[in-house]
Amino acid sequence: MLEPLRTDVDARSRCTGWKAPLAIAALVLAATLAFVVTGVAAQPAAAGVKAQSDATPTDAQPMVADPALELRVMKVAEELRCLVCQNETIAASHADLAVDLRKQIRLKLGEGQSERQILDFMVERYGEFVLYRPRLQATTWLLWGGPFLLLAVAAATLLMHIRRRRQGLAVADLSPADAVRARALLESESPSP
């Protein structure tokens, strides 16, 4: 014979208790994925040059004598954050400071400095914040490892909650006296025909 479905408050609260830790874990996972995806997606695809359909006469890029030098300038400029905009590289920014920094990069590359020397100069002058993708070092380990640390904490919390729930739902072992009493109760009840 099938037992009727329990609809009391206790049964419903037991069924929904697992949703809160699961929601927290899902939120942390979503935040971690968003961090990784936006870090990758925030990189400019066209090195600061607008598409032909979006271009206006004021956005026209100046003609350069050496296209190879301009490519190197844009490569270095993609590694540096615009200090005015802060969410763009200086290759994509139209701020006056970004234009000046691109000119400075162009001059330093023309003088024969390497891309690494230019990046080191910019870090020395403006600090680590100027790097669009900060280096992994002692001062930035939390920036790089923080999302994974939060994910591990959320997973550990979820596992602890699941274990506690399972322990709370486990049937307690009966003492010998309780087992005899339960057996007597079961035997005394006669099945109805």
N, C-alpha and C. Protein backbone atom coordinates (compact mmCIF):
# COMPACT_ATOMS: atom_id res chain seq x y z
N MET A 1 0.84 -1.18 0.00
CA MET A 1 0.00 0.00 0.00
C MET A 1 0.89 1.24 0.00
N LEU A 2 0.55 2.20 -0.82
CA LEU A 2 1.31 3.44 -0.90
C LEU A 2 0.95 4.37 0.24
N GLU A 3 1.98 5.01 0.76
CA GLU A 3 1.73 5.97 1.84
C GLU A 3 1.38 7.32 1.24
N PRO A 4 0.47 8.05 1.89
CA PRO A 4 0.13 9.37 1.37
C PRO A 4 1.32 10.32 1.50
N LEU A 5 1.38 11.26 0.60
CA LEU A 5 2.45 12.27 0.60
C LEU A 5 2.29 13.19 1.80
N ARG A 6 3.39 13.36 2.54
CA ARG A 6 3.34 14.25 3.71
C ARG A 6 3.36 15.69 3.24
N THR A 7 2.50 16.49 3.77
CA THR A 7 2.44 17.89 3.38
C THR A 7 2.62 18.82 4.57
N ASP A 8 3.10 18.28 5.68
CA ASP A 8 3.26 19.15 6.83
C ASP A 8 4.48 20.06 6.65
N VAL A 9 4.61 21.04 7.50
CA VAL A 9 5.66 22.05 7.38
C VAL A 9 7.05 21.44 7.53
N ASP A 10 7.21 20.46 8.41
CA ASP A 10 8.51 19.85 8.63
C ASP A 10 9.04 19.19 7.36
N ALA A 11 8.19 18.50 6.64
CA ALA A 11 8.63 17.83 5.42
C ALA A 11 9.06 18.83 4.38
N ARG A 12 8.33 19.92 4.23
CA ARG A 12 8.70 20.93 3.24
C ARG A 12 9.99 21.62 3.61
N SER A 13 10.21 21.92 4.88
CA SER A 13 11.42 22.62 5.27
C SER A 13 12.64 21.72 5.09
N ARG A 14 12.49 20.42 5.26
CA ARG A 14 13.61 19.52 5.03
C ARG A 14 13.96 19.47 3.55
N CYS A 15 13.00 19.56 2.69
CA CYS A 15 13.26 19.49 1.26
C CYS A 15 13.95 20.74 0.74
N THR A 16 13.73 21.87 1.33
CA THR A 16 14.29 23.12 0.80
C THR A 16 15.56 23.53 1.51
N GLY A 17 16.02 22.80 2.52
CA GLY A 17 17.19 23.20 3.28
C GLY A 17 18.48 23.17 2.47
N TRP A 18 18.56 22.36 1.44
CA TRP A 18 19.78 22.23 0.66
C TRP A 18 19.95 23.35 -0.37
N LYS A 19 18.90 24.12 -0.60
CA LYS A 19 18.96 25.13 -1.67
C LYS A 19 19.86 26.31 -1.33
N ALA A 20 19.93 26.71 -0.08
CA ALA A 20 20.74 27.88 0.29
C ALA A 20 22.23 27.66 0.02
N PRO A 21 22.85 26.58 0.50
CA PRO A 21 24.28 26.39 0.20
C PRO A 21 24.53 26.19 -1.29
N LEU A 22 23.61 25.53 -1.96
CA LEU A 22 23.76 25.34 -3.39
C LEU A 22 23.70 26.67 -4.13
N ALA A 23 22.81 27.54 -3.70
CA ALA A 23 22.71 28.87 -4.32
C ALA A 23 23.99 29.67 -4.07
N ILE A 24 24.54 29.56 -2.88
CA ILE A 24 25.79 30.28 -2.58
C ILE A 24 26.91 29.75 -3.45
N ALA A 25 27.01 28.43 -3.57
CA ALA A 25 28.06 27.85 -4.41
C ALA A 25 27.88 28.26 -5.86
N ALA A 26 26.66 28.28 -6.34
CA ALA A 26 26.40 28.70 -7.72
C ALA A 26 26.76 30.17 -7.93
N LEU A 27 26.47 31.00 -6.93
CA LEU A 27 26.80 32.41 -7.02
C LEU A 27 28.30 32.62 -7.07
N VAL A 28 29.04 31.92 -6.25
CA VAL A 28 30.50 32.04 -6.24
C VAL A 28 31.07 31.54 -7.56
N LEU A 29 30.55 30.43 -8.06
CA LEU A 29 31.02 29.92 -9.34
C LEU A 29 30.73 30.90 -10.47
N ALA A 30 29.54 31.49 -10.46
CA ALA A 30 29.18 32.47 -11.49
C ALA A 30 30.09 33.69 -11.41
N ALA A 31 30.39 34.15 -10.19
CA ALA A 31 31.26 35.31 -10.03
C ALA A 31 32.66 35.00 -10.53
N THR A 32 33.15 33.81 -10.24
CA THR A 32 34.48 33.41 -10.70
C THR A 32 34.52 33.35 -12.22
N LEU A 33 33.52 32.74 -12.82
CA LEU A 33 33.47 32.67 -14.27
C LEU A 33 33.35 34.05 -14.90
N ALA A 34 32.56 34.92 -14.27
CA ALA A 34 32.42 36.28 -14.80
C ALA A 34 33.75 37.01 -14.73
N PHE A 35 34.49 36.81 -13.65
CA PHE A 35 35.80 37.45 -13.52
C PHE A 35 36.74 36.99 -14.62
N VAL A 36 36.77 35.68 -14.85
CA VAL A 36 37.67 35.14 -15.87
C VAL A 36 37.24 35.59 -17.25
N VAL A 37 35.95 35.51 -17.55
CA VAL A 37 35.45 35.88 -18.87
C VAL A 37 35.64 37.37 -19.14
N THR A 38 35.32 38.22 -18.18
CA THR A 38 35.48 39.65 -18.42
C THR A 38 36.93 40.04 -18.51
N GLY A 39 37.81 39.34 -17.82
CA GLY A 39 39.24 39.62 -17.95
C GLY A 39 39.72 39.32 -19.35
N VAL A 40 39.20 38.26 -19.95
CA VAL A 40 39.57 37.89 -21.30
C VAL A 40 38.84 38.77 -22.31
N ALA A 41 37.55 39.00 -22.07
CA ALA A 41 36.74 39.76 -23.03
C ALA A 41 37.07 41.23 -23.03
N ALA A 42 37.67 41.73 -21.96
CA ALA A 42 37.97 43.16 -21.90
C ALA A 42 39.15 43.55 -22.77
N GLN A 43 39.86 42.57 -23.31
CA GLN A 43 40.99 42.88 -24.17
C GLN A 43 40.46 43.42 -25.49
N PRO A 44 41.01 44.50 -25.95
CA PRO A 44 40.50 45.07 -27.20
C PRO A 44 40.82 44.18 -28.39
N ALA A 45 39.85 43.97 -29.22
CA ALA A 45 40.02 43.07 -30.36
C ALA A 45 40.78 43.74 -31.50
N ALA A 46 40.56 45.00 -31.71
CA ALA A 46 41.15 45.66 -32.86
C ALA A 46 42.23 46.65 -32.47
N ALA A 47 42.79 46.54 -31.31
CA ALA A 47 43.88 47.40 -30.84
C ALA A 47 43.51 48.87 -30.90
N GLY A 48 42.31 49.19 -30.52
CA GLY A 48 41.92 50.60 -30.41
C GLY A 48 41.42 51.21 -31.70
N VAL A 49 41.41 50.48 -32.80
CA VAL A 49 40.95 51.03 -34.07
C VAL A 49 39.48 50.65 -34.23
N LYS A 50 38.63 51.63 -34.47
CA LYS A 50 37.20 51.35 -34.62
C LYS A 50 36.91 50.69 -35.96
N ALA A 51 35.81 50.01 -36.01
CA ALA A 51 35.40 49.36 -37.26
C ALA A 51 35.09 50.42 -38.30
N GLN A 52 35.19 50.04 -39.57
CA GLN A 52 34.96 50.98 -40.67
C GLN A 52 33.58 51.61 -40.58
N SER A 53 32.56 50.83 -40.19
CA SER A 53 31.20 51.35 -40.15
C SER A 53 31.01 52.37 -39.03
N ASP A 54 31.81 52.28 -37.95
CA ASP A 54 31.69 53.20 -36.83
C ASP A 54 32.57 54.44 -36.99
N ALA A 55 33.48 54.42 -37.93
CA ALA A 55 34.46 55.50 -38.04
C ALA A 55 33.82 56.80 -38.52
N THR A 56 34.24 57.87 -37.91
CA THR A 56 33.84 59.21 -38.34
C THR A 56 35.11 59.95 -38.71
N PRO A 57 35.02 61.09 -39.37
CA PRO A 57 36.23 61.82 -39.75
C PRO A 57 37.13 62.18 -38.56
N THR A 58 36.54 62.38 -37.36
CA THR A 58 37.37 62.74 -36.21
C THR A 58 38.08 61.53 -35.62
N ASP A 59 37.63 60.30 -35.97
CA ASP A 59 38.25 59.09 -35.44
C ASP A 59 39.35 58.55 -36.36
N ALA A 60 39.59 59.17 -37.47
CA ALA A 60 40.55 58.64 -38.43
C ALA A 60 41.93 58.55 -37.78
N GLN A 61 42.59 57.43 -38.01
CA GLN A 61 43.93 57.22 -37.47
C GLN A 61 44.94 57.92 -38.37
N PRO A 62 45.96 58.53 -37.77
CA PRO A 62 46.97 59.22 -38.58
C PRO A 62 47.79 58.22 -39.39
N MET A 63 48.19 58.62 -40.55
CA MET A 63 49.05 57.78 -41.38
C MET A 63 50.44 57.77 -40.76
N VAL A 64 51.02 56.62 -40.65
CA VAL A 64 52.34 56.50 -40.05
C VAL A 64 53.33 56.08 -41.11
N ALA A 65 54.56 56.51 -40.92
CA ALA A 65 55.59 56.17 -41.89
C ALA A 65 55.99 54.71 -41.79
N ASP A 66 55.93 54.15 -40.59
CA ASP A 66 56.37 52.78 -40.39
C ASP A 66 55.25 51.96 -39.76
N PRO A 67 54.51 51.19 -40.56
CA PRO A 67 53.42 50.39 -40.00
C PRO A 67 53.91 49.33 -39.00
N ALA A 68 55.11 48.81 -39.18
CA ALA A 68 55.64 47.82 -38.23
C ALA A 68 55.86 48.46 -36.86
N LEU A 69 56.34 49.70 -36.84
CA LEU A 69 56.52 50.41 -35.58
C LEU A 69 55.17 50.67 -34.93
N GLU A 70 54.18 51.03 -35.73
CA GLU A 70 52.85 51.29 -35.18
C GLU A 70 52.24 50.02 -34.57
N LEU A 71 52.48 48.86 -35.19
CA LEU A 71 52.01 47.59 -34.63
C LEU A 71 52.67 47.32 -33.28
N ARG A 72 53.97 47.60 -33.18
CA ARG A 72 54.67 47.42 -31.90
C ARG A 72 54.15 48.38 -30.85
N VAL A 73 53.85 49.62 -31.26
CA VAL A 73 53.30 50.61 -30.33
C VAL A 73 51.96 50.10 -29.78
N MET A 74 51.11 49.61 -30.69
CA MET A 74 49.79 49.12 -30.25
C MET A 74 49.91 47.87 -29.40
N LYS A 75 50.91 47.03 -29.67
CA LYS A 75 51.12 45.84 -28.85
C LYS A 75 51.49 46.23 -27.42
N VAL A 76 52.38 47.21 -27.26
CA VAL A 76 52.74 47.68 -25.93
C VAL A 76 51.56 48.41 -25.30
N ALA A 77 50.85 49.21 -26.09
CA ALA A 77 49.72 49.99 -25.58
C ALA A 77 48.59 49.08 -25.10
N GLU A 78 48.45 47.88 -25.65
CA GLU A 78 47.42 46.93 -25.20
C GLU A 78 47.75 46.37 -23.82
N GLU A 79 48.99 46.46 -23.41
CA GLU A 79 49.41 45.95 -22.11
C GLU A 79 49.26 46.99 -20.99
N LEU A 80 48.95 48.23 -21.35
CA LEU A 80 48.89 49.31 -20.35
C LEU A 80 47.47 49.81 -20.19
N ARG A 81 47.10 50.07 -18.94
CA ARG A 81 45.77 50.57 -18.59
C ARG A 81 45.75 52.09 -18.75
N CYS A 82 44.66 52.61 -19.29
CA CYS A 82 44.47 54.06 -19.33
C CYS A 82 44.19 54.52 -17.91
N LEU A 83 44.97 55.43 -17.42
CA LEU A 83 44.82 55.91 -16.05
C LEU A 83 43.62 56.83 -15.89
N VAL A 84 43.08 57.31 -16.98
CA VAL A 84 41.88 58.15 -16.93
C VAL A 84 40.63 57.26 -16.98
N CYS A 85 40.57 56.37 -17.97
CA CYS A 85 39.40 55.51 -18.16
C CYS A 85 39.39 54.33 -17.20
N GLN A 86 40.51 53.72 -16.94
CA GLN A 86 40.75 52.61 -16.03
C GLN A 86 40.14 51.29 -16.48
N ASN A 87 39.20 51.29 -17.38
CA ASN A 87 38.64 50.03 -17.87
C ASN A 87 39.04 49.76 -19.32
N GLU A 88 39.94 50.55 -19.82
CA GLU A 88 40.40 50.39 -21.20
C GLU A 88 41.91 50.39 -21.23
N THR A 89 42.45 49.81 -22.29
CA THR A 89 43.88 49.94 -22.50
C THR A 89 44.14 51.30 -23.11
N ILE A 90 45.40 51.72 -23.10
CA ILE A 90 45.69 53.01 -23.73
C ILE A 90 45.60 52.90 -25.25
N ALA A 91 45.62 51.68 -25.78
CA ALA A 91 45.43 51.49 -27.22
C ALA A 91 43.99 51.81 -27.62
N ALA A 92 43.03 51.53 -26.74
CA ALA A 92 41.62 51.74 -27.06
C ALA A 92 41.10 53.09 -26.59
N SER A 93 41.82 53.76 -25.72
CA SER A 93 41.33 54.99 -25.13
C SER A 93 41.62 56.20 -26.01
N HIS A 94 40.69 57.17 -25.95
CA HIS A 94 40.87 58.42 -26.67
C HIS A 94 41.20 59.57 -25.72
N ALA A 95 41.47 59.26 -24.46
CA ALA A 95 41.80 60.30 -23.49
C ALA A 95 43.15 60.93 -23.86
N ASP A 96 43.31 62.19 -23.49
CA ASP A 96 44.55 62.90 -23.82
C ASP A 96 45.77 62.21 -23.24
N LEU A 97 45.66 61.72 -22.02
CA LEU A 97 46.79 61.02 -21.40
C LEU A 97 47.16 59.77 -22.18
N ALA A 98 46.17 59.05 -22.67
CA ALA A 98 46.43 57.84 -23.44
C ALA A 98 47.13 58.18 -24.75
N VAL A 99 46.71 59.26 -25.39
CA VAL A 99 47.36 59.70 -26.63
C VAL A 99 48.81 60.06 -26.34
N ASP A 100 49.06 60.78 -25.24
CA ASP A 100 50.43 61.15 -24.87
C ASP A 100 51.28 59.93 -24.56
N LEU A 101 50.70 58.95 -23.88
CA LEU A 101 51.45 57.74 -23.56
C LEU A 101 51.77 56.93 -24.82
N ARG A 102 50.86 56.90 -25.77
CA ARG A 102 51.15 56.22 -27.04
C ARG A 102 52.28 56.92 -27.77
N LYS A 103 52.30 58.27 -27.73
CA LYS A 103 53.40 59.01 -28.36
C LYS A 103 54.72 58.70 -27.66
N GLN A 104 54.68 58.61 -26.33
CA GLN A 104 55.88 58.30 -25.57
C GLN A 104 56.38 56.89 -25.90
N ILE A 105 55.47 55.95 -26.03
CA ILE A 105 55.85 54.59 -26.42
C ILE A 105 56.49 54.60 -27.80
N ARG A 106 55.88 55.33 -28.73
CA ARG A 106 56.41 55.43 -30.09
C ARG A 106 57.82 55.98 -30.08
N LEU A 107 58.06 57.04 -29.28
CA LEU A 107 59.41 57.64 -29.19
C LEU A 107 60.42 56.65 -28.60
N LYS A 108 60.03 55.96 -27.54
CA LYS A 108 60.96 55.02 -26.89
C LYS A 108 61.26 53.82 -27.79
N LEU A 109 60.28 53.34 -28.52
CA LEU A 109 60.55 52.27 -29.48
C LEU A 109 61.45 52.77 -30.60
N GLY A 110 61.25 54.01 -31.03
CA GLY A 110 62.11 54.61 -32.05
C GLY A 110 63.54 54.77 -31.57
N GLU A 111 63.72 54.97 -30.25
CA GLU A 111 65.07 55.10 -29.67
C GLU A 111 65.73 53.74 -29.51
N GLY A 112 64.98 52.66 -29.73
CA GLY A 112 65.57 51.33 -29.66
C GLY A 112 65.31 50.58 -28.37
N GLN A 113 64.46 51.11 -27.50
CA GLN A 113 64.14 50.39 -26.26
C GLN A 113 63.23 49.21 -26.57
N SER A 114 63.38 48.17 -25.77
CA SER A 114 62.54 46.98 -25.97
C SER A 114 61.16 47.22 -25.33
N GLU A 115 60.23 46.36 -25.68
CA GLU A 115 58.87 46.46 -25.12
C GLU A 115 58.91 46.25 -23.60
N ARG A 116 59.75 45.32 -23.14
CA ARG A 116 59.87 45.06 -21.70
C ARG A 116 60.42 46.28 -20.97
N GLN A 117 61.40 46.96 -21.56
CA GLN A 117 61.97 48.17 -20.94
C GLN A 117 60.92 49.27 -20.83
N ILE A 118 60.08 49.38 -21.84
CA ILE A 118 59.03 50.41 -21.82
C ILE A 118 58.00 50.09 -20.74
N LEU A 119 57.59 48.82 -20.67
CA LEU A 119 56.63 48.43 -19.64
C LEU A 119 57.22 48.65 -18.24
N ASP A 120 58.49 48.32 -18.06
CA ASP A 120 59.13 48.54 -16.75
C ASP A 120 59.20 50.02 -16.42
N PHE A 121 59.47 50.86 -17.43
CA PHE A 121 59.50 52.31 -17.21
C PHE A 121 58.12 52.82 -16.78
N MET A 122 57.09 52.35 -17.45
CA MET A 122 55.72 52.80 -17.11
C MET A 122 55.33 52.35 -15.70
N VAL A 123 55.72 51.12 -15.33
CA VAL A 123 55.42 50.64 -13.98
C VAL A 123 56.19 51.47 -12.95
N GLU A 124 57.44 51.78 -13.25
CA GLU A 124 58.24 52.60 -12.33
C GLU A 124 57.63 53.99 -12.17
N ARG A 125 57.12 54.53 -13.25
CA ARG A 125 56.57 55.89 -13.22
C ARG A 125 55.16 55.96 -12.63
N TYR A 126 54.28 55.00 -13.00
CA TYR A 126 52.87 55.06 -12.61
C TYR A 126 52.45 53.98 -11.61
N GLY A 127 53.29 53.01 -11.35
CA GLY A 127 52.95 51.94 -10.43
C GLY A 127 52.37 50.73 -11.15
N GLU A 128 52.18 49.63 -10.40
CA GLU A 128 51.67 48.38 -10.97
C GLU A 128 50.27 48.53 -11.58
N PHE A 129 49.53 49.52 -11.10
CA PHE A 129 48.15 49.69 -11.58
C PHE A 129 48.11 49.97 -13.08
N VAL A 130 49.17 50.50 -13.64
CA VAL A 130 49.17 50.84 -15.06
C VAL A 130 49.16 49.59 -15.95
N LEU A 131 49.55 48.45 -15.42
CA LEU A 131 49.52 47.22 -16.22
C LEU A 131 48.08 46.72 -16.33
N TYR A 132 47.65 46.45 -17.54
CA TYR A 132 46.28 45.99 -17.76
C TYR A 132 46.08 44.59 -17.21
N ARG A 133 47.10 43.75 -17.32
CA ARG A 133 47.10 42.41 -16.73
C ARG A 133 48.27 42.38 -15.74
N PRO A 134 47.98 42.62 -14.46
CA PRO A 134 49.05 42.70 -13.46
C PRO A 134 49.89 41.42 -13.40
N ARG A 135 51.15 41.61 -13.04
CA ARG A 135 52.06 40.47 -12.91
C ARG A 135 51.71 39.68 -11.66
N LEU A 136 52.03 38.39 -11.68
CA LEU A 136 51.82 37.55 -10.51
C LEU A 136 53.02 37.71 -9.59
N GLN A 137 52.79 38.34 -8.46
CA GLN A 137 53.84 38.56 -7.46
C GLN A 137 53.19 38.64 -6.10
N ALA A 138 53.99 38.89 -5.08
CA ALA A 138 53.49 38.85 -3.70
C ALA A 138 52.35 39.85 -3.47
N THR A 139 52.39 40.99 -4.10
CA THR A 139 51.35 42.00 -3.86
C THR A 139 50.08 41.75 -4.65
N THR A 140 50.12 40.87 -5.63
CA THR A 140 48.93 40.62 -6.46
C THR A 140 48.43 39.19 -6.37
N TRP A 141 48.94 38.38 -5.45
CA TRP A 141 48.52 36.98 -5.38
C TRP A 141 47.04 36.86 -5.04
N LEU A 142 46.53 37.76 -4.22
CA LEU A 142 45.11 37.69 -3.86
C LEU A 142 44.23 38.01 -5.08
N LEU A 143 44.68 38.91 -5.92
CA LEU A 143 43.94 39.25 -7.14
C LEU A 143 43.82 38.02 -8.04
N TRP A 144 44.90 37.28 -8.19
CA TRP A 144 44.90 36.12 -9.07
C TRP A 144 44.29 34.89 -8.40
N GLY A 145 44.57 34.70 -7.11
CA GLY A 145 44.11 33.50 -6.43
C GLY A 145 42.79 33.65 -5.70
N GLY A 146 42.34 34.88 -5.50
CA GLY A 146 41.12 35.15 -4.75
C GLY A 146 39.89 34.43 -5.26
N PRO A 147 39.60 34.45 -6.55
CA PRO A 147 38.42 33.75 -7.04
C PRO A 147 38.47 32.25 -6.78
N PHE A 148 39.65 31.65 -6.94
CA PHE A 148 39.78 30.22 -6.69
C PHE A 148 39.69 29.92 -5.19
N LEU A 149 40.22 30.83 -4.37
CA LEU A 149 40.11 30.67 -2.92
C LEU A 149 38.64 30.73 -2.49
N LEU A 150 37.89 31.68 -3.03
CA LEU A 150 36.46 31.78 -2.72
C LEU A 150 35.70 30.55 -3.19
N LEU A 151 36.06 30.04 -4.34
CA LEU A 151 35.41 28.83 -4.86
C LEU A 151 35.69 27.64 -3.94
N ALA A 152 36.93 27.51 -3.46
CA ALA A 152 37.28 26.42 -2.55
C ALA A 152 36.53 26.55 -1.23
N VAL A 153 36.43 27.77 -0.70
CA VAL A 153 35.69 27.99 0.55
C VAL A 153 34.22 27.64 0.36
N ALA A 154 33.64 28.05 -0.76
CA ALA A 154 32.23 27.73 -1.02
C ALA A 154 32.02 26.23 -1.15
N ALA A 155 32.93 25.53 -1.84
CA ALA A 155 32.81 24.08 -1.98
C ALA A 155 32.94 23.38 -0.63
N ALA A 156 33.89 23.84 0.20
CA ALA A 156 34.07 23.24 1.53
C ALA A 156 32.83 23.47 2.39
N THR A 157 32.28 24.68 2.33
CA THR A 157 31.07 24.99 3.09
C THR A 157 29.91 24.12 2.64
N LEU A 158 29.76 23.95 1.36
CA LEU A 158 28.70 23.10 0.81
C LEU A 158 28.86 21.65 1.27
N LEU A 159 30.09 21.13 1.20
CA LEU A 159 30.33 19.76 1.62
C LEU A 159 30.05 19.58 3.12
N MET A 160 30.47 20.54 3.94
CA MET A 160 30.20 20.46 5.37
C MET A 160 28.71 20.46 5.64
N HIS A 161 27.98 21.31 4.93
CA HIS A 161 26.53 21.38 5.12
C HIS A 161 25.86 20.07 4.71
N ILE A 162 26.31 19.50 3.60
CA ILE A 162 25.73 18.23 3.14
C ILE A 162 26.01 17.13 4.14
N ARG A 163 27.23 17.07 4.67
CA ARG A 163 27.56 16.04 5.65
C ARG A 163 26.73 16.19 6.92
N ARG A 164 26.58 17.43 7.38
CA ARG A 164 25.78 17.65 8.59
C ARG A 164 24.33 17.24 8.37
N ARG A 165 23.83 17.52 7.20
CA ARG A 165 22.44 17.15 6.89
C ARG A 165 22.27 15.65 6.87
N ARG A 166 23.24 14.98 6.26
CA ARG A 166 23.16 13.52 6.19
C ARG A 166 23.24 12.91 7.58
N GLN A 167 24.08 13.47 8.43
CA GLN A 167 24.20 12.97 9.79
C GLN A 167 22.92 13.21 10.57
N GLY A 168 22.29 14.34 10.36
CA GLY A 168 21.04 14.66 11.04
C GLY A 168 19.89 13.78 10.57
N LEU A 169 19.92 13.36 9.32
CA LEU A 169 18.85 12.53 8.78
C LEU A 169 19.07 11.04 9.02
N ALA A 170 20.28 10.65 9.42
CA ALA A 170 20.56 9.23 9.64
C ALA A 170 19.73 8.71 10.81
N VAL A 171 19.27 7.50 10.63
CA VAL A 171 18.45 6.88 11.67
C VAL A 171 19.38 6.43 12.79
N ALA A 172 19.04 6.79 13.99
CA ALA A 172 19.86 6.41 15.14
C ALA A 172 19.72 4.92 15.39
N ASP A 173 20.81 4.30 15.80
CA ASP A 173 20.77 2.88 16.13
C ASP A 173 19.90 2.69 17.37
N LEU A 174 19.10 1.65 17.33
CA LEU A 174 18.21 1.36 18.45
C LEU A 174 18.97 0.56 19.51
N SER A 175 18.66 0.87 20.74
CA SER A 175 19.21 0.06 21.83
C SER A 175 18.50 -1.29 21.80
N PRO A 176 19.08 -2.32 22.42
CA PRO A 176 18.41 -3.64 22.41
C PRO A 176 17.00 -3.59 22.99
N ALA A 177 16.79 -2.79 24.04
CA ALA A 177 15.46 -2.71 24.65
C ALA A 177 14.47 -2.06 23.68
N ASP A 178 14.92 -1.00 22.96
CA ASP A 178 14.05 -0.33 22.00
C ASP A 178 13.75 -1.25 20.82
N ALA A 179 14.72 -2.07 20.42
CA ALA A 179 14.50 -2.99 19.30
C ALA A 179 13.45 -4.03 19.67
N VAL A 180 13.49 -4.57 20.90
CA VAL A 180 12.49 -5.55 21.35
C VAL A 180 11.12 -4.91 21.38
N ARG A 181 11.05 -3.67 21.91
CA ARG A 181 9.76 -2.98 21.98
C ARG A 181 9.19 -2.71 20.58
N ALA A 182 10.05 -2.30 19.62
CA ALA A 182 9.60 -2.03 18.25
C ALA A 182 9.10 -3.30 17.60
N ARG A 183 9.83 -4.43 17.81
CA ARG A 183 9.42 -5.70 17.25
C ARG A 183 8.07 -6.13 17.81
N ALA A 184 7.87 -5.90 19.12
CA ALA A 184 6.60 -6.26 19.75
C ALA A 184 5.47 -5.43 19.19
N LEU A 185 5.70 -4.16 18.96
CA LEU A 185 4.67 -3.30 18.38
C LEU A 185 4.32 -3.73 16.96
N LEU A 186 5.32 -4.08 16.18
CA LEU A 186 5.08 -4.51 14.80
C LEU A 186 4.31 -5.83 14.77
N GLU A 187 4.63 -6.74 15.68
CA GLU A 187 3.96 -8.04 15.70
C GLU A 187 2.54 -7.93 16.23
N SER A 188 2.30 -6.97 17.14
CA SER A 188 0.96 -6.84 17.74
C SER A 188 -0.04 -6.27 16.75
N GLU A 189 0.45 -5.49 15.80
CA GLU A 189 -0.47 -4.94 14.78
C GLU A 189 -0.74 -6.02 13.75
N SER A 190 -1.97 -6.30 13.56
CA SER A 190 -2.32 -7.30 12.56
C SER A 190 -2.67 -6.58 11.26
N PRO A 191 -2.23 -7.10 10.16
CA PRO A 191 -2.56 -6.46 8.88
C PRO A 191 -4.05 -6.56 8.60
N SER A 192 -4.62 -5.48 8.09
CA SER A 192 -6.05 -5.50 7.78
C SER A 192 -6.27 -6.18 6.43
N PRO A 193 -7.33 -7.06 6.37
CA PRO A 193 -7.62 -7.79 5.13
C PRO A 193 -8.25 -6.95 4.08
